[in-house]
Protein backbone atom coordinates (compact mmCIF):
# COMPACT_ATOMS: atom_id res chain seq x y z
CA UNK A 1 -92.84 -5.36 4.41
CA UNK A 2 -92.61 -3.47 1.11
CA UNK A 3 -88.81 -3.44 1.32
CA UNK A 4 -88.81 -7.20 1.91
CA UNK A 5 -91.07 -7.78 -1.12
CA UNK A 6 -88.82 -5.60 -3.27
CA UNK A 7 -85.74 -7.49 -2.05
CA UNK A 8 -87.19 -10.89 -2.96
CA UNK A 9 -88.48 -9.57 -6.29
CA UNK A 10 -84.98 -8.38 -7.22
CA UNK A 11 -83.46 -11.69 -6.11
CA UNK A 12 -85.93 -13.67 -8.22
CA UNK A 13 -85.33 -11.41 -11.24
CA UNK A 14 -81.59 -11.91 -10.88
CA UNK A 15 -81.95 -15.71 -10.81
CA UNK A 16 -84.32 -15.72 -13.82
CA UNK A 17 -82.48 -13.26 -16.08
CA UNK A 18 -78.85 -13.94 -15.13
CA UNK A 19 -78.92 -17.71 -14.62
CA UNK A 20 -82.02 -19.49 -15.96
CA UNK A 21 -82.51 -17.35 -19.09
CA UNK A 22 -78.87 -17.60 -20.31
CA UNK A 23 -78.82 -21.36 -19.59
CA UNK A 24 -81.94 -22.05 -21.65
CA UNK A 25 -80.88 -19.47 -24.22
CA UNK A 26 -77.54 -21.18 -24.87
CA UNK A 27 -79.33 -24.44 -25.63
CA UNK A 28 -81.63 -22.67 -28.10
CA UNK A 29 -78.70 -20.77 -29.59
CA UNK A 30 -76.90 -24.03 -30.38
CA UNK A 31 -80.01 -25.48 -32.00
CA UNK A 32 -81.30 -22.49 -33.94
CA UNK A 33 -78.33 -20.08 -34.30
CA UNK A 34 -80.13 -17.43 -32.24
CA UNK A 35 -78.93 -15.04 -29.54
CA UNK A 36 -81.51 -15.80 -26.85
CA UNK A 37 -78.79 -16.30 -24.24
CA UNK A 38 -78.14 -12.55 -24.27
CA UNK A 39 -81.76 -11.37 -24.10
CA UNK A 40 -82.39 -12.00 -20.41
CA UNK A 41 -78.96 -10.71 -19.36
CA UNK A 42 -79.41 -7.56 -21.46
CA UNK A 43 -82.83 -6.98 -19.90
CA UNK A 44 -81.46 -7.47 -16.39
CA UNK A 45 -78.58 -5.06 -16.97
CA UNK A 46 -80.86 -2.54 -18.71
CA UNK A 47 -79.09 -2.81 -22.08
CA UNK A 48 -80.79 -2.03 -25.40
CA UNK A 49 -83.65 -0.20 -23.71
CA UNK A 50 -85.51 2.58 -25.52
CA UNK A 51 -88.00 3.38 -22.75
CA UNK A 52 -85.85 5.25 -20.23
CA UNK A 53 -86.71 8.74 -18.98
CA UNK A 54 -83.91 11.31 -18.75
CA UNK A 55 -84.51 12.94 -15.39
CA UNK A 56 -82.84 16.30 -16.01
CA UNK A 57 -82.88 18.44 -19.16
CA UNK A 58 -79.28 19.50 -18.43
CA UNK A 59 -78.03 15.93 -18.51
CA UNK A 60 -76.31 14.68 -21.67
CA UNK A 61 -77.11 11.16 -22.83
CA UNK A 62 -74.36 9.06 -24.43
CA UNK A 63 -75.54 6.60 -27.10
CA UNK A 64 -72.77 4.03 -27.00
CA UNK A 65 -72.54 1.54 -29.84
CA UNK A 66 -70.22 -1.42 -29.23
CA UNK A 67 -66.62 -0.98 -30.39
CA UNK A 68 -66.61 2.80 -30.77
CA UNK A 69 -64.28 3.68 -27.90
CA UNK A 70 -67.24 4.15 -25.60
CA UNK A 71 -65.61 2.85 -22.43
CA UNK A 72 -62.89 5.48 -22.85
CA UNK A 73 -65.60 8.14 -23.27
CA UNK A 74 -67.45 7.03 -20.13
CA UNK A 75 -64.24 6.84 -18.10
CA UNK A 76 -62.92 10.24 -19.25
CA UNK A 77 -66.18 12.13 -18.79
CA UNK A 78 -66.98 10.69 -15.38
CA UNK A 79 -63.58 11.75 -14.06
CA UNK A 80 -64.29 15.42 -14.81
CA UNK A 81 -67.90 15.47 -13.55
CA UNK A 82 -69.30 15.89 -17.05
CA UNK A 83 -73.13 16.16 -16.82
CA UNK A 84 -73.75 12.64 -18.14
CA UNK A 85 -77.10 10.97 -17.81
CA UNK A 86 -76.64 7.76 -15.84
CA UNK A 87 -78.74 4.88 -17.10
CA UNK A 88 -80.49 2.59 -14.62
CA UNK A 89 -78.07 -0.01 -13.24
CA UNK A 90 -75.27 2.08 -14.79
CA UNK A 91 -75.77 0.31 -18.10
CA UNK A 92 -73.89 1.55 -21.16
CA UNK A 93 -75.39 0.27 -24.41
CA UNK A 94 -78.77 1.90 -25.03
CA UNK A 95 -80.36 3.55 -28.08
CA UNK A 96 -82.09 6.92 -28.24
CA UNK A 97 -85.09 6.89 -25.90
CA UNK A 98 -88.54 7.08 -27.45
CA UNK A 99 -89.72 8.78 -24.26
CA UNK A 100 -86.94 11.39 -24.04
CA UNK A 101 -86.28 12.31 -27.64
CA UNK A 102 -83.50 14.34 -29.22
CA UNK A 103 -85.71 17.41 -29.70
CA UNK A 104 -85.96 17.92 -25.96
CA UNK A 105 -82.78 16.33 -24.63
CA UNK A 106 -79.06 16.37 -25.42
CA UNK A 107 -77.43 13.33 -26.97
CA UNK A 108 -73.84 12.49 -27.90
CA UNK A 109 -72.26 9.52 -29.67
CA UNK A 110 -69.15 8.24 -31.45
CA UNK A 111 -69.44 7.64 -35.19
CA UNK A 112 -67.25 4.89 -36.64
CA UNK A 113 -67.10 3.38 -40.12
CA UNK A 114 -69.57 0.47 -39.89
CA UNK A 115 -67.30 -1.92 -41.79
CA UNK A 116 -64.58 -1.53 -39.14
CA UNK A 117 -67.01 -1.38 -36.23
CA UNK A 118 -68.86 -4.59 -37.11
CA UNK A 119 -65.61 -6.42 -37.80
CA UNK A 120 -64.31 -5.38 -34.37
CA UNK A 121 -67.62 -6.41 -32.78
CA UNK A 122 -67.27 -9.87 -34.32
CA UNK A 123 -63.89 -10.36 -32.66
CA UNK A 124 -65.32 -9.08 -29.38
CA UNK A 125 -67.96 -11.81 -29.56
CA UNK A 126 -65.23 -14.36 -30.30
CA UNK A 127 -63.36 -13.28 -27.16
CA UNK A 128 -66.60 -13.65 -25.19
CA UNK A 129 -66.90 -17.20 -26.56
CA UNK A 130 -70.24 -16.53 -28.22
CA UNK A 131 -71.06 -19.85 -29.90
CA UNK A 132 -72.31 -18.32 -33.16
CA UNK A 133 -68.87 -16.91 -34.00
CA UNK A 134 -67.46 -20.44 -34.30
CA UNK A 135 -69.53 -20.70 -37.49
CA UNK A 136 -67.75 -17.71 -39.01
CA UNK A 137 -68.41 -14.09 -39.88
CA UNK A 138 -71.09 -14.71 -42.51
CA UNK A 139 -73.27 -16.88 -40.27
CA UNK A 140 -72.90 -14.39 -37.42
CA UNK A 141 -74.05 -11.55 -39.66
CA UNK A 142 -76.89 -13.59 -41.12
CA UNK A 143 -78.37 -14.68 -37.79
CA UNK A 144 -77.61 -11.84 -35.36
CA UNK A 145 -79.66 -8.64 -35.65
CA UNK A 146 -77.10 -6.79 -33.51
CA UNK A 147 -74.67 -7.16 -36.44
CA UNK A 148 -77.05 -5.67 -38.99
CA UNK A 149 -77.48 -1.87 -39.22
CA UNK A 150 -77.06 -1.38 -35.47
CA UNK A 151 -76.33 2.33 -35.84
CA UNK A 152 -79.70 2.88 -37.49
CA UNK A 153 -81.33 0.84 -34.73
CA UNK A 154 -79.63 2.88 -32.00
CA UNK A 155 -80.05 6.34 -33.50
CA UNK A 156 -83.69 5.80 -34.49
CA UNK A 157 -84.49 4.29 -31.09
CA UNK A 158 -86.14 1.32 -32.82
CA UNK A 159 -83.94 -1.44 -31.49
CA UNK A 160 -84.14 -4.99 -32.86
CA UNK A 161 -86.05 -3.85 -35.95
CA UNK A 162 -85.23 -4.64 -39.56
CA UNK A 163 -84.18 -1.34 -41.06
CA UNK A 164 -86.09 0.24 -43.91
CA UNK A 165 -86.11 3.75 -45.37
CA UNK A 166 -88.51 5.04 -42.71
CA UNK A 167 -86.24 3.96 -39.85
CA UNK A 168 -83.15 5.16 -41.71
CA UNK A 169 -84.73 8.62 -42.14
CA UNK A 170 -85.60 8.73 -38.43
CA UNK A 171 -82.00 7.83 -37.48
CA UNK A 172 -80.68 10.50 -39.83
CA UNK A 173 -83.11 13.11 -38.48
CA UNK A 174 -82.14 12.29 -34.91
CA UNK A 175 -78.42 12.57 -35.67
CA UNK A 176 -79.05 16.03 -37.11
CA UNK A 177 -80.15 17.10 -33.61
CA UNK A 178 -77.37 15.49 -31.55
CA UNK A 179 -75.48 17.81 -29.21
CA UNK A 180 -72.15 16.37 -30.35
CA UNK A 181 -70.82 13.54 -32.53
CA UNK A 182 -67.27 12.31 -31.96
CA UNK A 183 -65.44 11.13 -35.05
CA UNK A 184 -63.76 7.82 -34.16
CA UNK A 185 -60.85 8.65 -36.47
CA UNK A 186 -60.31 11.96 -34.67
CA UNK A 187 -61.16 10.56 -31.25
CA UNK A 188 -59.01 12.45 -28.74
CA UNK A 189 -59.39 15.90 -30.31
CA UNK A 190 -63.14 15.51 -30.73
CA UNK A 191 -63.56 14.25 -27.17
CA UNK A 192 -61.73 17.33 -25.92
CA UNK A 193 -63.88 19.55 -28.14
CA UNK A 194 -66.99 17.98 -26.63
CA UNK A 195 -65.71 18.74 -23.13
CA UNK A 196 -64.98 22.32 -24.19
CA UNK A 197 -68.46 22.71 -25.68
CA UNK A 198 -69.93 21.64 -22.34
CA UNK A 199 -68.01 24.50 -20.68
CA UNK A 200 -65.46 22.36 -18.86
CA UNK A 201 -61.66 22.33 -18.83
CA UNK A 202 -60.60 20.02 -21.63
CA UNK A 203 -56.99 19.64 -20.50
CA UNK A 204 -57.59 16.01 -19.58
CA UNK A 205 -55.52 12.84 -19.81
CA UNK A 206 -57.36 10.41 -22.08
CA UNK A 207 -56.47 6.80 -21.35
CA UNK A 208 -57.73 4.43 -24.00
CA UNK A 209 -59.63 1.47 -22.56
CA UNK A 210 -60.55 -1.93 -23.98
CA UNK A 211 -58.47 -1.62 -27.15
CA UNK A 212 -58.63 -4.70 -29.34
CA UNK A 213 -55.98 -6.43 -31.42
CA UNK A 214 -57.15 -8.67 -34.24
CA UNK A 215 -56.29 -9.57 -37.81
CA UNK A 216 -56.74 -6.91 -40.47
CA UNK A 217 -60.02 -6.92 -42.38
CA UNK A 218 -59.76 -8.21 -45.94
CA UNK A 219 -61.70 -7.27 -49.06
CA UNK A 220 -64.08 -10.24 -48.89
CA UNK A 221 -65.02 -9.58 -45.25
CA UNK A 222 -65.64 -5.92 -46.08
CA UNK A 223 -68.01 -6.92 -48.85
CA UNK A 224 -69.88 -9.37 -46.62
CA UNK A 225 -70.27 -6.82 -43.80
CA UNK A 226 -71.34 -4.19 -46.32
CA UNK A 227 -74.00 -6.48 -47.76
CA UNK A 228 -75.63 -6.86 -44.33
CA UNK A 229 -75.17 -3.20 -43.31
CA UNK A 230 -76.45 -1.25 -46.30
CA UNK A 231 -78.36 1.31 -44.22
CA UNK A 232 -75.55 1.89 -41.71
CA UNK A 233 -73.16 2.59 -44.58
CA UNK A 234 -75.64 5.10 -46.00
CA UNK A 235 -75.96 6.73 -42.58
CA UNK A 236 -72.18 6.94 -42.19
CA UNK A 237 -71.89 8.52 -45.65
CA UNK A 238 -74.56 11.05 -44.66
CA UNK A 239 -72.61 11.87 -41.49
CA UNK A 240 -69.35 12.29 -43.42
CA UNK A 241 -70.94 14.59 -45.98
CA UNK A 242 -73.28 16.66 -43.81
CA UNK A 243 -72.42 16.44 -40.10
CA UNK A 244 -68.74 15.70 -39.64
CA UNK A 245 -67.62 19.29 -40.24
CA UNK A 246 -70.14 20.66 -37.71
CA UNK A 247 -68.23 19.33 -34.71
């Protein structure tokens, strides 16, 4: 009986969050330039969750920001039985957990210049036919919180919050305690160094996944992205000055 109840509960959740929620959300998105269509789907797939519990202190949790080569990281590490923490429903995009913090658990990530990362994320949304992108880069940045200081959101664990100095300091403090940070511009070598640090054979074949091709960012777009990502730029500068040489 309990199994039957669980089965129907999961079926109902799937209908609500994968069909009804996106349908209603897309209508609201067109009217109010929001991103409600993604909320239910993200919840269903366990994305952007900061309440997960890491079940084993030896597991290493990967904080995967969009457009940082994360799919290549997942694919490479899973092939060699790296001790990755597997999120519920095998989701990929989640911030630091408030319930399993960096002081007690191991975290890794890829750090990329936020100007390039956000620009790449915009073209990803265009390929996914997200309606907001048809209004241009500026409107996307203005209305979508996932395009504003997402690194600070993810590394602080305070997702969907407007970033201030308190949250920035928390993100910075958490990064100080990460097990490893891959430099996007030194991707393959750093990924192999991570594998070596975990005590595994790092003679692996790294096959880059999900690479994007899009027009080169211009000066104006850089300035617009920078205006909406002040705190992420500060965090990246902190990483470059204080953490990059540690790994």
